[in-house]
Protein backbone atom coordinates (compact mmCIF):
# COMPACT_ATOMS: atom_id res chain seq x y z
CA MET A 1 86.99 120.68 103.23
CA ALA A 2 83.67 122.06 103.72
CA ASP A 3 82.29 119.47 101.28
CA ARG A 4 83.45 116.74 103.50
CA ALA A 5 82.05 118.22 106.54
CA GLU A 6 78.78 118.64 104.95
CA SER A 7 78.83 114.92 103.69
CA GLU A 8 79.66 113.85 107.16
CA SER A 9 76.65 115.78 108.67
CA ALA A 10 74.38 114.42 106.12
CA GLU A 11 75.58 110.80 107.00
CA LEU A 12 74.96 111.50 110.58
CA ALA A 13 71.51 112.97 109.73
CA GLU A 14 70.92 109.70 107.66
CA GLY A 15 71.73 107.56 110.53
CA ARG A 16 75.06 106.02 108.85
CA ASP A 17 78.38 106.42 110.79
CA GLU A 18 81.85 106.18 109.28
CA ALA A 19 82.25 102.48 110.08
CA SER A 20 79.43 101.59 107.82
CA PRO A 21 80.16 99.79 104.32
CA GLU A 22 78.53 102.91 102.51
CA ALA A 23 81.12 105.14 103.94
CA ASP A 24 84.01 102.66 102.95
CA SER A 25 82.60 102.66 99.24
CA ALA A 26 81.94 106.36 99.26
CA GLY A 27 85.90 106.89 99.92
CA GLY A 28 86.16 108.28 103.73
CA THR A 29 88.00 105.52 105.67
CA ALA A 30 90.17 102.60 104.67
CA ALA A 31 88.36 99.52 103.63
CA ARG A 32 88.19 96.75 106.52
CA PHE A 33 88.65 92.94 106.13
CA VAL A 34 85.37 91.52 105.49
CA SER A 35 86.18 88.01 106.50
CA TRP A 36 89.05 86.89 108.88
CA PRO A 37 88.69 83.29 108.38
CA LEU A 38 88.74 83.75 104.72
CA PHE A 39 92.06 85.84 104.84
CA LEU A 40 93.25 83.10 107.00
CA PHE A 41 92.65 80.48 104.50
CA VAL A 42 94.19 82.55 101.82
CA ALA A 43 97.17 82.96 103.80
CA ILE A 44 97.46 79.22 104.24
CA GLY A 45 97.34 78.85 100.45
CA VAL A 46 100.06 81.37 99.91
CA ASN A 47 102.25 79.69 102.50
CA ALA A 48 101.84 76.32 101.03
CA LEU A 49 102.90 77.53 97.46
CA TYR A 50 105.70 79.40 99.16
CA LEU A 51 106.74 76.23 101.12
CA TRP A 52 106.59 74.21 97.91
CA GLY A 53 108.87 76.78 95.90
CA MET A 54 111.25 76.86 98.85
CA LEU A 55 111.48 73.02 99.16
CA ALA A 56 111.87 72.77 95.24
CA GLN A 57 115.00 75.14 95.72
CA MET A 58 116.74 72.97 98.47
CA GLY A 59 118.99 70.99 96.26
CA HIS A 60 121.87 73.05 95.61
CA ALA A 61 124.78 72.95 98.12
CA VAL A 62 125.95 76.38 97.92
CA ALA A 63 122.68 78.29 97.52
CA ASP A 64 120.83 76.48 100.48
CA PRO A 65 122.16 78.28 103.11
CA TRP A 66 121.83 81.72 101.45
CA THR A 67 118.15 80.94 100.43
CA LYS A 68 117.28 79.94 103.79
CA ALA A 69 118.77 82.87 105.35
CA LEU A 70 117.86 85.51 102.90
CA ALA A 71 114.51 84.17 101.59
CA TRP A 72 112.93 81.70 104.01
CA LEU A 73 113.99 82.95 107.31
CA PRO A 74 112.19 86.30 106.91
CA PHE A 75 109.14 84.80 105.60
CA ASN A 76 108.73 82.63 108.59
CA PHE A 77 109.11 85.37 110.86
CA ILE A 78 106.50 87.41 108.91
CA ALA A 79 104.19 84.29 108.82
CA THR A 80 104.78 83.73 112.49
CA VAL A 81 103.56 87.16 113.10
CA LEU A 82 100.50 86.86 110.69
CA TYR A 83 99.45 83.56 112.10
CA PHE A 84 99.70 84.95 115.90
CA ALA A 85 97.35 87.79 114.63
CA PHE A 86 95.09 85.18 113.38
CA TYR A 87 95.32 83.60 116.55
CA VAL A 88 94.43 86.45 118.60
CA LYS A 89 91.73 87.63 116.30
CA LEU A 90 89.83 84.36 115.56
CA GLY A 91 90.80 82.35 118.76
CA ARG A 92 88.05 84.00 120.82
CA GLY A 93 84.79 83.83 118.60
CA ARG A 94 83.01 80.94 117.52
CA ALA A 95 84.97 77.91 116.53
CA GLY A 96 87.72 79.68 118.10
CA ALA A 97 89.50 76.47 119.32
CA ILE A 98 89.61 75.26 115.90
CA PHE A 99 90.97 78.50 114.65
CA ALA A 100 93.57 78.51 117.33
CA LEU A 101 94.75 75.08 116.66
CA LEU A 102 94.92 75.89 112.90
CA CYS A 103 97.31 78.96 113.58
CA VAL A 104 99.55 76.85 116.07
CA ALA A 105 99.60 74.27 113.71
CA MET A 106 100.95 76.53 110.65
CA ILE A 107 103.19 78.32 113.02
CA ALA A 108 104.72 75.09 114.04
CA LEU A 109 104.67 73.59 110.25
CA ASN A 110 106.74 76.44 109.00
CA TRP A 111 109.45 76.04 111.45
CA ILE A 112 109.62 72.32 111.28
CA VAL A 113 110.06 72.26 107.42
CA PHE A 114 112.49 75.18 107.88
CA PHE A 115 114.84 73.36 110.15
CA ALA A 116 114.36 70.03 108.53
CA ALA A 117 114.99 71.08 104.82
């Protein structure tokens, strides 16, 4: 406990704060997202793979409703919340209109494919 207080006072004396990358790598605070746009593009890639996998499973008459209800529906709710968070976070900055449009398009695409399958 005393060591932590000493290291914090040393950081303040050096002009560093807890939000700096040095503080994150030193172990004090949790790491932050470095790039929200990159995280959005990774989420879109994971979403595309998931949609491809779900569409491949939509051929079995008995399993279709269960697959949609137990796997695809929760994923769509989580993806909708995630894309809404991206919309709020990235929609205001530089190129905000492009990111906002991309987020809204991904939400719509998820639900359209879900109901069309």
